[in-house]
């Protein structure tokens, strides 16, 4: 199991299986990441991976429509498009 910490939700930490979708874990565990569509269309679930960015999969084309190159370099991702394979901490 991996640990996902939702920093903007009082540092709530939850366990999840490897290769978990960040938004789905947030929804299931009441992590609090804001969302509307859940499919990469609206950009509402933009969050910053504060720790553990190396444990996320590659940035998708849908994310590149909502995030600037500088934001991606700074660790921003769209939770609905991000899969996690190790411990991460996220804020929004």
PDB file of N, CA and C in Angstrom:
ATOM      1  N   UNK A   1       0.844  -1.194   0.000  1.00  0.00           N
ATOM      2  CA  UNK A   1       0.000   0.000   0.000  1.00  0.00           C
ATOM      3  C   UNK A   1       0.887   1.255   0.000  1.00  0.00           C
ATOM      4  N   UNK A   2       0.339   2.307  -0.570  1.00  0.00           N
ATOM      5  CA  UNK A   2       1.023   3.597  -0.582  1.00  0.00           C
ATOM      6  C   UNK A   2       0.256   4.568   0.296  1.00  0.00           C
ATOM      7  N   UNK A   3       0.896   5.657   0.678  1.00  0.00           N
ATOM      8  CA  UNK A   3       0.256   6.695   1.487  1.00  0.00           C
ATOM      9  C   UNK A   3       0.048   7.945   0.636  1.00  0.00           C
ATOM     10  N   UNK A   4      -1.151   8.481   0.687  1.00  0.00           N
ATOM     11  CA  UNK A   4      -1.458   9.749   0.034  1.00  0.00           C
ATOM     12  C   UNK A   4      -1.895  10.712   1.126  1.00  0.00           C
ATOM     13  N   UNK A   5      -1.205  11.852   1.213  1.00  0.00           N
ATOM     14  CA  UNK A   5      -1.525  12.864   2.220  1.00  0.00           C
ATOM     15  C   UNK A   5      -2.127  14.069   1.525  1.00  0.00           C
ATOM     16  N   UNK A   6      -3.323  14.446   1.977  1.00  0.00           N
ATOM     17  CA  UNK A   6      -4.047  15.594   1.441  1.00  0.00           C
ATOM     18  C   UNK A   6      -3.753  16.790   2.346  1.00  0.00           C
ATOM     19  N   UNK A   7      -2.714  17.536   2.000  1.00  0.00           N
ATOM     20  CA  UNK A   7      -2.225  18.624   2.848  1.00  0.00           C
ATOM     21  C   UNK A   7      -3.280  19.696   3.088  1.00  0.00           C
ATOM     22  N   UNK A   8      -4.088  20.008   2.081  1.00  0.00           N
ATOM     23  CA  UNK A   8      -5.094  21.065   2.212  1.00  0.00           C
ATOM     24  C   UNK A   8      -6.326  20.611   2.987  1.00  0.00           C
ATOM     25  N   UNK A   9      -6.339  19.358   3.385  1.00  0.00           N
ATOM     26  CA  UNK A   9      -7.441  18.803   4.175  1.00  0.00           C
ATOM     27  C   UNK A   9      -6.885  18.334   5.518  1.00  0.00           C
ATOM     28  N   UNK A  10      -6.274  19.276   6.246  1.00  0.00           N
ATOM     29  CA  UNK A  10      -5.720  18.994   7.577  1.00  0.00           C
ATOM     30  C   UNK A  10      -4.739  17.829   7.578  1.00  0.00           C
ATOM     31  N   UNK A  11      -3.954  17.699   6.502  1.00  0.00           N
ATOM     32  CA  UNK A  11      -2.942  16.642   6.397  1.00  0.00           C
ATOM     33  C   UNK A  11      -3.528  15.242   6.505  1.00  0.00           C
ATOM     34  N   UNK A  12      -4.755  15.077   6.026  1.00  0.00           N
ATOM     35  CA  UNK A  12      -5.383  13.754   6.062  1.00  0.00           C
ATOM     36  C   UNK A  12      -4.545  12.785   5.243  1.00  0.00           C
ATOM     37  N   UNK A  13      -4.191  11.648   5.841  1.00  0.00           N
ATOM     38  CA  UNK A  13      -3.370  10.643   5.178  1.00  0.00           C
ATOM     39  C   UNK A  13      -4.164   9.351   5.055  1.00  0.00           C
ATOM     40  N   UNK A  14      -4.139   8.768   3.846  1.00  0.00           N
ATOM     41  CA  UNK A  14      -4.881   7.538   3.593  1.00  0.00           C
ATOM     42  C   UNK A  14      -3.983   6.533   2.879  1.00  0.00           C
ATOM     43  N   UNK A  15      -4.344   5.285   2.968  1.00  0.00           N
ATOM     44  CA  UNK A  15      -3.633   4.221   2.256  1.00  0.00           C
ATOM     45  C   UNK A  15      -4.396   3.880   0.987  1.00  0.00           C
ATOM     46  N   UNK A  16      -3.644   3.492  -0.041  1.00  0.00           N
ATOM     47  CA  UNK A  16      -4.256   3.101  -1.308  1.00  0.00           C
ATOM     48  C   UNK A  16      -3.342   2.089  -1.987  1.00  0.00           C
ATOM     49  N   UNK A  17      -3.903   1.272  -2.872  1.00  0.00           N
ATOM     50  CA  UNK A  17      -3.038   0.345  -3.612  1.00  0.00           C
ATOM     51  C   UNK A  17      -2.163   1.085  -4.619  1.00  0.00           C
ATOM     52  N   UNK A  18      -1.012   0.530  -4.983  1.00  0.00           N
ATOM     53  CA  UNK A  18      -0.182   1.152  -6.015  1.00  0.00           C
ATOM     54  C   UNK A  18      -0.982   1.317  -7.315  1.00  0.00           C
ATOM     55  N   UNK A  19      -0.584   2.287  -8.121  1.00  0.00           N
ATOM     56  CA  UNK A  19      -1.218   2.618  -9.397  1.00  0.00           C
ATOM     57  C   UNK A  19      -2.656   3.103  -9.199  1.00  0.00           C
ATOM     58  N   UNK A  20      -2.900   3.825  -8.116  1.00  0.00           N
ATOM     59  CA  UNK A  20      -4.221   4.390  -7.830  1.00  0.00           C
ATOM     60  C   UNK A  20      -4.369   5.754  -8.486  1.00  0.00           C
ATOM     61  N   UNK A  21      -5.569   6.040  -8.964  1.00  0.00           N
ATOM     62  CA  UNK A  21      -5.881   7.352  -9.513  1.00  0.00           C
ATOM     63  C   UNK A  21      -6.091   8.321  -8.351  1.00  0.00           C
ATOM     64  N   UNK A  22      -5.406   9.450  -8.405  1.00  0.00           N
ATOM     65  CA  UNK A  22      -5.419  10.407  -7.299  1.00  0.00           C
ATOM     66  C   UNK A  22      -6.818  10.938  -6.997  1.00  0.00           C
ATOM     67  N   UNK A  23      -7.583  11.300  -8.006  1.00  0.00           N
ATOM     68  CA  UNK A  23      -8.930  11.818  -7.757  1.00  0.00           C
ATOM     69  C   UNK A  23      -9.850  10.742  -7.192  1.00  0.00           C
ATOM     70  N   UNK A  24      -9.762   9.536  -7.713  1.00  0.00           N
ATOM     71  CA  UNK A  24     -10.633   8.458  -7.210  1.00  0.00           C
ATOM     72  C   UNK A  24     -10.356   8.164  -5.743  1.00  0.00           C
ATOM     73  N   UNK A  25      -9.073   8.185  -5.354  1.00  0.00           N
ATOM     74  CA  UNK A  25      -8.736   7.982  -3.939  1.00  0.00           C
ATOM     75  C   UNK A  25      -9.310   9.128  -3.111  1.00  0.00           C
ATOM     76  N   UNK A  26      -9.180  10.358  -3.603  1.00  0.00           N
ATOM     77  CA  UNK A  26      -9.717  11.515  -2.890  1.00  0.00           C
ATOM     78  C   UNK A  26     -11.222  11.389  -2.688  1.00  0.00           C
ATOM     79  N   UNK A  27     -11.922  10.971  -3.719  1.00  0.00           N
ATOM     80  CA  UNK A  27     -13.380  10.806  -3.617  1.00  0.00           C
ATOM     81  C   UNK A  27     -13.741   9.703  -2.630  1.00  0.00           C
ATOM     82  N   UNK A  28     -13.071   8.564  -2.743  1.00  0.00           N
ATOM     83  CA  UNK A  28     -13.384   7.411  -1.894  1.00  0.00           C
ATOM     84  C   UNK A  28     -13.076   7.693  -0.420  1.00  0.00           C
ATOM     85  N   UNK A  29     -11.968   8.412  -0.177  1.00  0.00           N
ATOM     86  CA  UNK A  29     -11.502   8.627   1.200  1.00  0.00           C
ATOM     87  C   UNK A  29     -11.821  10.021   1.737  1.00  0.00           C
ATOM     88  N   UNK A  30     -12.620  10.785   0.996  1.00  0.00           N
ATOM     89  CA  UNK A  30     -12.977  12.156   1.393  1.00  0.00           C
ATOM     90  C   UNK A  30     -11.726  13.022   1.590  1.00  0.00           C
ATOM     91  N   UNK A  31     -10.826  12.938   0.599  1.00  0.00           N
ATOM     92  CA  UNK A  31      -9.586  13.706   0.641  1.00  0.00           C
ATOM     93  C   UNK A  31      -9.794  15.187   0.393  1.00  0.00           C
ATOM     94  N   UNK A  32     -10.821  15.540  -0.374  1.00  0.00           N
ATOM     95  CA  UNK A  32     -11.179  16.937  -0.543  1.00  0.00           C
ATOM     96  C   UNK A  32     -10.696  17.631  -1.799  1.00  0.00           C
ATOM     97  N   UNK A  33     -10.007  16.936  -2.710  1.00  0.00           N
ATOM     98  CA  UNK A  33      -9.566  17.605  -3.938  1.00  0.00           C
ATOM     99  C   UNK A  33     -10.802  18.060  -4.710  1.00  0.00           C
ATOM    100  N   UNK A  34     -10.881  19.356  -5.070  1.00  0.00           N
ATOM    101  CA  UNK A  34     -12.045  19.852  -5.809  1.00  0.00           C
ATOM    102  C   UNK A  34     -12.125  19.194  -7.187  1.00  0.00           C
ATOM    103  N   UNK A  35     -13.339  18.997  -7.687  1.00  0.00           N
ATOM    104  CA  UNK A  35     -13.502  18.416  -9.018  1.00  0.00           C
ATOM    105  C   UNK A  35     -14.881  18.777  -9.559  1.00  0.00           C
ATOM    106  N   UNK A  36     -15.035  18.678 -10.849  1.00  0.00           N
ATOM    107  CA  UNK A  36     -16.347  18.823 -11.495  1.00  0.00           C
ATOM    108  C   UNK A  36     -16.585  17.667 -12.441  1.00  0.00           C
ATOM    109  N   UNK A  37     -15.733  17.532 -13.475  1.00  0.00           N
ATOM    110  CA  UNK A  37     -16.023  16.534 -14.506  1.00  0.00           C
ATOM    111  C   UNK A  37     -15.391  15.167 -14.231  1.00  0.00           C
ATOM    112  N   UNK A  38     -14.204  15.141 -13.670  1.00  0.00           N
ATOM    113  CA  UNK A  38     -13.519  13.879 -13.412  1.00  0.00           C
ATOM    114  C   UNK A  38     -12.923  13.226 -14.647  1.00  0.00           C
ATOM    115  N   UNK A  39     -12.949  13.924 -15.783  1.00  0.00           N
ATOM    116  CA  UNK A  39     -12.471  13.314 -17.013  1.00  0.00           C
ATOM    117  C   UNK A  39     -11.427  14.105 -17.774  1.00  0.00           C
ATOM    118  N   UNK A  40     -10.846  15.111 -17.164  1.00  0.00           N
ATOM    119  CA  UNK A  40      -9.792  15.867 -17.815  1.00  0.00           C
ATOM    120  C   UNK A  40     -10.261  17.003 -18.697  1.00  0.00           C
ATOM    121  N   UNK A  41     -11.525  17.360 -18.600  1.00  0.00           N
ATOM    122  CA  UNK A  41     -12.062  18.399 -19.469  1.00  0.00           C
ATOM    123  C   UNK A  41     -12.072  19.785 -18.838  1.00  0.00           C
ATOM    124  N   UNK A  42     -12.267  19.868 -17.520  1.00  0.00           N
ATOM    125  CA  UNK A  42     -12.515  21.179 -16.902  1.00  0.00           C
ATOM    126  C   UNK A  42     -11.296  21.785 -16.190  1.00  0.00           C
ATOM    127  N   UNK A  43     -10.383  20.973 -15.702  1.00  0.00           N
ATOM    128  CA  UNK A  43      -9.209  21.491 -14.996  1.00  0.00           C
ATOM    129  C   UNK A  43      -9.441  21.826 -13.532  1.00  0.00           C
ATOM    130  N   UNK A  44     -10.617  21.564 -13.016  1.00  0.00           N
ATOM    131  CA  UNK A  44     -10.947  21.913 -11.625  1.00  0.00           C
ATOM    132  C   UNK A  44     -10.095  21.160 -10.610  1.00  0.00           C
ATOM    133  N   UNK A  45      -9.673  19.954 -10.940  1.00  0.00           N
ATOM    134  CA  UNK A  45      -8.944  19.119  -9.972  1.00  0.00           C
ATOM    135  C   UNK A  45      -7.440  19.387  -9.980  1.00  0.00           C
ATOM    136  N   UNK A  46      -7.031  20.541 -10.500  1.00  0.00           N
ATOM    137  CA  UNK A  46      -5.611  20.905 -10.504  1.00  0.00           C
ATOM    138  C   UNK A  46      -5.093  20.912  -9.061  1.00  0.00           C
ATOM    139  N   UNK A  47      -4.002  20.225  -8.849  1.00  0.00           N
ATOM    140  CA  UNK A  47      -3.399  20.169  -7.513  1.00  0.00           C
ATOM    141  C   UNK A  47      -1.888  20.153  -7.664  1.00  0.00           C
ATOM    142  N   UNK A  48      -1.200  20.382  -6.574  1.00  0.00           N
ATOM    143  CA  UNK A  48       0.262  20.379  -6.594  1.00  0.00           C
ATOM    144  C   UNK A  48       0.771  19.189  -5.789  1.00  0.00           C
ATOM    145  N   UNK A  49       1.602  18.387  -6.430  1.00  0.00           N
ATOM    146  CA  UNK A  49       2.241  17.278  -5.725  1.00  0.00           C
ATOM    147  C   UNK A  49       3.449  17.874  -5.014  1.00  0.00           C
ATOM    148  N   UNK A  50       3.290  18.109  -3.724  1.00  0.00           N
ATOM    149  CA  UNK A  50       4.323  18.776  -2.923  1.00  0.00           C
ATOM    150  C   UNK A  50       5.507  17.856  -2.635  1.00  0.00           C
ATOM    151  N   UNK A  51       5.223  16.591  -2.446  1.00  0.00           N
ATOM    152  CA  UNK A  51       6.258  15.589  -2.173  1.00  0.00           C
ATOM    153  C   UNK A  51       5.901  14.323  -2.934  1.00  0.00           C
ATOM    154  N   UNK A  52       6.895  13.716  -3.549  1.00  0.00           N
ATOM    155  CA  UNK A  52       6.685  12.435  -4.217  1.00  0.00           C
ATOM    156  C   UNK A  52       6.300  12.514  -5.682  1.00  0.00           C
ATOM    157  N   UNK A  53       6.594  13.628  -6.355  1.00  0.00           N
ATOM    158  CA  UNK A  53       6.234  13.751  -7.777  1.00  0.00           C
ATOM    159  C   UNK A  53       6.831  12.599  -8.587  1.00  0.00           C
ATOM    160  N   UNK A  54       7.959  12.061  -8.131  1.00  0.00           N
ATOM    161  CA  UNK A  54       8.592  10.949  -8.843  1.00  0.00           C
ATOM    162  C   UNK A  54       7.760   9.673  -8.791  1.00  0.00           C
ATOM    163  N   UNK A  55       6.747   9.660  -7.917  1.00  0.00           N
ATOM    164  CA  UNK A  55       5.865   8.491  -7.787  1.00  0.00           C
ATOM    165  C   UNK A  55       4.583   8.642  -8.599  1.00  0.00           C
ATOM    166  N   UNK A  56       4.559   9.608  -9.511  1.00  0.00           N
ATOM    167  CA  UNK A  56       3.386   9.781 -10.374  1.00  0.00           C
ATOM    168  C   UNK A  56       3.736   9.370 -11.796  1.00  0.00           C
ATOM    169  N   UNK A  57       2.706   9.050 -12.577  1.00  0.00           N
ATOM    170  CA  UNK A  57       2.929   8.669 -13.971  1.00  0.00           C
ATOM    171  C   UNK A  57       3.194   9.908 -14.818  1.00  0.00           C
ATOM    172  N   UNK A  58       3.386   9.724 -16.110  1.00  0.00           N
ATOM    173  CA  UNK A  58       3.716  10.842 -16.994  1.00  0.00           C
ATOM    174  C   UNK A  58       2.512  11.757 -17.203  1.00  0.00           C
ATOM    175  N   UNK A  59       2.805  13.015 -17.489  1.00  0.00           N
ATOM    176  CA  UNK A  59       1.779  14.029 -17.722  1.00  0.00           C
ATOM    177  C   UNK A  59       1.051  13.699 -19.019  1.00  0.00           C
ATOM    178  N   UNK A  60      -0.276  13.734 -18.974  1.00  0.00           N
ATOM    179  CA  UNK A  60      -1.109  13.414 -20.136  1.00  0.00           C
ATOM    180  C   UNK A  60      -1.373  14.654 -20.991  1.00  0.00           C
ATOM    181  N   UNK A  61      -1.751  14.431 -22.238  1.00  0.00           N
ATOM    182  CA  UNK A  61      -2.086  15.538 -23.142  1.00  0.00           C
ATOM    183  C   UNK A  61      -3.239  16.379 -22.587  1.00  0.00           C
ATOM    184  N   UNK A  62      -4.219  15.738 -21.955  1.00  0.00           N
ATOM    185  CA  UNK A  62      -5.347  16.485 -21.370  1.00  0.00           C
ATOM    186  C   UNK A  62      -4.857  17.474 -20.320  1.00  0.00           C
ATOM    187  N   UNK A  63      -3.838  17.088 -19.552  1.00  0.00           N
ATOM    188  CA  UNK A  63      -3.293  17.980 -18.531  1.00  0.00           C
ATOM    189  C   UNK A  63      -2.609  19.182 -19.174  1.00  0.00           C
ATOM    190  N   UNK A  64      -1.925  18.946 -20.284  1.00  0.00           N
ATOM    191  CA  UNK A  64      -1.198  20.015 -20.962  1.00  0.00           C
ATOM    192  C   UNK A  64      -2.132  21.093 -21.500  1.00  0.00           C
ATOM    193  N   UNK A  65      -3.411  20.780 -21.648  1.00  0.00           N
ATOM    194  CA  UNK A  65      -4.394  21.780 -22.083  1.00  0.00           C
ATOM    195  C   UNK A  65      -4.774  22.733 -20.955  1.00  0.00           C
ATOM    196  N   UNK A  66      -4.550  22.322 -19.725  1.00  0.00           N
ATOM    197  CA  UNK A  66      -4.961  23.118 -18.558  1.00  0.00           C
ATOM    198  C   UNK A  66      -3.801  23.651 -17.735  1.00  0.00           C
ATOM    199  N   UNK A  67      -2.638  23.046 -17.891  1.00  0.00           N
ATOM    200  CA  UNK A  67      -1.477  23.431 -17.085  1.00  0.00           C
ATOM    201  C   UNK A  67      -0.381  23.983 -17.982  1.00  0.00           C
ATOM    202  N   UNK A  68       0.238  25.063 -17.534  1.00  0.00           N
ATOM    203  CA  UNK A  68       1.360  25.620 -18.293  1.00  0.00           C
ATOM    204  C   UNK A  68       2.593  24.742 -18.075  1.00  0.00           C
ATOM    205  N   UNK A  69       3.585  24.917 -18.923  1.00  0.00           N
ATOM    206  CA  UNK A  69       4.838  24.178 -18.773  1.00  0.00           C
ATOM    207  C   UNK A  69       5.481  24.481 -17.421  1.00  0.00           C
ATOM    208  N   UNK A  70       5.415  25.746 -16.992  1.00  0.00           N
ATOM    209  CA  UNK A  70       5.978  26.126 -15.691  1.00  0.00           C
ATOM    210  C   UNK A  70       5.231  25.441 -14.546  1.00  0.00           C
ATOM    211  N   UNK A  71       3.901  25.341 -14.650  1.00  0.00           N
ATOM    212  CA  UNK A  71       3.128  24.665 -13.601  1.00  0.00           C
ATOM    213  C   UNK A  71       3.508  23.189 -13.532  1.00  0.00           C
ATOM    214  N   UNK A  72       3.644  22.559 -14.676  1.00  0.00           N
ATOM    215  CA  UNK A  72       4.022  21.143 -14.695  1.00  0.00           C
ATOM    216  C   UNK A  72       5.402  20.962 -14.060  1.00  0.00           C
ATOM    217  N   UNK A  73       6.343  21.829 -14.396  1.00  0.00           N
ATOM    218  CA  UNK A  73       7.688  21.762 -13.802  1.00  0.00           C
ATOM    219  C   UNK A  73       7.648  21.980 -12.296  1.00  0.00           C
ATOM    220  N   UNK A  74       6.671  22.779 -11.820  1.00  0.00           N
ATOM    221  CA  UNK A  74       6.539  23.067 -10.384  1.00  0.00           C
ATOM    222  C   UNK A  74       5.810  21.952  -9.628  1.00  0.00           C
ATOM    223  N   UNK A  75       5.326  20.929 -10.348  1.00  0.00           N
ATOM    224  CA  UNK A  75       4.684  19.799  -9.676  1.00  0.00           C
ATOM    225  C   UNK A  75       3.174  19.785  -9.741  1.00  0.00           C
ATOM    226  N   UNK A  76       2.573  20.670 -10.532  1.00  0.00           N
ATOM    227  CA  UNK A  76       1.118  20.664 -10.659  1.00  0.00           C
ATOM    228  C   UNK A  76       0.672  19.532 -11.570  1.00  0.00           C
ATOM    229  N   UNK A  77      -0.431  18.921 -11.202  1.00  0.00           N
ATOM    230  CA  UNK A  77      -1.056  17.857 -11.996  1.00  0.00           C
ATOM    231  C   UNK A  77      -2.569  18.008 -11.888  1.00  0.00           C
ATOM    232  N   UNK A  78      -3.270  17.317 -12.756  1.00  0.00           N
ATOM    233  CA  UNK A  78      -4.723  17.195 -12.641  1.00  0.00           C
ATOM    234  C   UNK A  78      -4.983  15.847 -11.983  1.00  0.00           C
ATOM    235  N   UNK A  79      -5.649  15.878 -10.848  1.00  0.00           N
ATOM    236  CA  UNK A  79      -5.838  14.658 -10.053  1.00  0.00           C
ATOM    237  C   UNK A  79      -6.548  13.560 -10.835  1.00  0.00           C
ATOM    238  N   UNK A  80      -7.477  13.938 -11.710  1.00  0.00           N
ATOM    239  CA  UNK A  80      -8.242  12.926 -12.452  1.00  0.00           C
ATOM    240  C   UNK A  80      -7.378  12.170 -13.450  1.00  0.00           C
ATOM    241  N   UNK A  81      -6.251  12.734 -13.823  1.00  0.00           N
ATOM    242  CA  UNK A  81      -5.377  12.123 -14.831  1.00  0.00           C
ATOM    243  C   UNK A  81      -4.114  11.509 -14.234  1.00  0.00           C
ATOM    244  N   UNK A  82      -3.948  11.620 -12.915  1.00  0.00           N
ATOM    245  CA  UNK A  82      -2.697  11.229 -12.268  1.00  0.00           C
ATOM    246  C   UNK A  82      -2.836   9.904 -11.530  1.00  0.00           C
ATOM    247  N   UNK A  83      -1.918   8.991 -11.836  1.00  0.00           N
ATOM    248  CA  UNK A  83      -1.855   7.714 -11.147  1.00  0.00           C
ATOM    249  C   UNK A  83      -0.599   7.695 -10.291  1.00  0.00           C
ATOM    250  N   UNK A  84      -0.728   7.142  -9.078  1.00  0.00           N
ATOM    251  CA  UNK A  84       0.316   7.229  -8.063  1.00  0.00           C
ATOM    252  C   UNK A  84       0.854   5.830  -7.747  1.00  0.00           C
ATOM    253  N   UNK A  85       2.196   5.718  -7.711  1.00  0.00           N
ATOM    254  CA  UNK A  85       2.840   4.434  -7.443  1.00  0.00           C
ATOM    255  C   UNK A  85       3.743   4.467  -6.222  1.00  0.00           C
ATOM    256  N   UNK A  86       3.618   5.484  -5.403  1.00  0.00           N
ATOM    257  CA  UNK A  86       4.410   5.607  -4.182  1.00  0.00           C
ATOM    258  C   UNK A  86       3.806   6.714  -3.332  1.00  0.00           C
ATOM    259  N   UNK A  87       4.411   6.968  -2.192  1.00  0.00           N
ATOM    260  CA  UNK A  87       3.874   7.958  -1.264  1.00  0.00           C
ATOM    261  C   UNK A  87       3.937   9.362  -1.859  1.00  0.00           C
ATOM    262  N   UNK A  88       2.832  10.094  -1.752  1.00  0.00           N
ATOM    263  CA  UNK A  88       2.768  11.488  -2.227  1.00  0.00           C
ATOM    264  C   UNK A  88       2.012  12.348  -1.220  1.00  0.00           C
ATOM    265  N   UNK A  89       2.305  13.648  -1.283  1.00  0.00           N
ATOM    266  CA  UNK A  89       1.556  14.661  -0.533  1.00  0.00           C
ATOM    267  C   UNK A  89       1.089  15.690  -1.534  1.00  0.00           C
ATOM    268  N   UNK A  90      -0.208  16.057  -1.483  1.00  0.00           N
ATOM    269  CA  UNK A  90      -0.761  16.994  -2.448  1.00  0.00           C
ATOM    270  C   UNK A  90      -1.479  18.138  -1.747  1.00  0.00           C
ATOM    271  N   UNK A  91      -1.464  19.300  -2.412  1.00  0.00           N
ATOM    272  CA  UNK A  91      -2.222  20.464  -1.940  1.00  0.00           C
ATOM    273  C   UNK A  91      -2.983  21.027  -3.128  1.00  0.00           C
ATOM    274  N   UNK A  92      -3.923  21.920  -2.851  1.00  0.00           N
ATOM    275  CA  UNK A  92      -4.693  22.559  -3.931  1.00  0.00           C
ATOM    276  C   UNK A  92      -5.125  23.923  -3.518  1.00  0.00           C
TER     277      UNK A  92
END
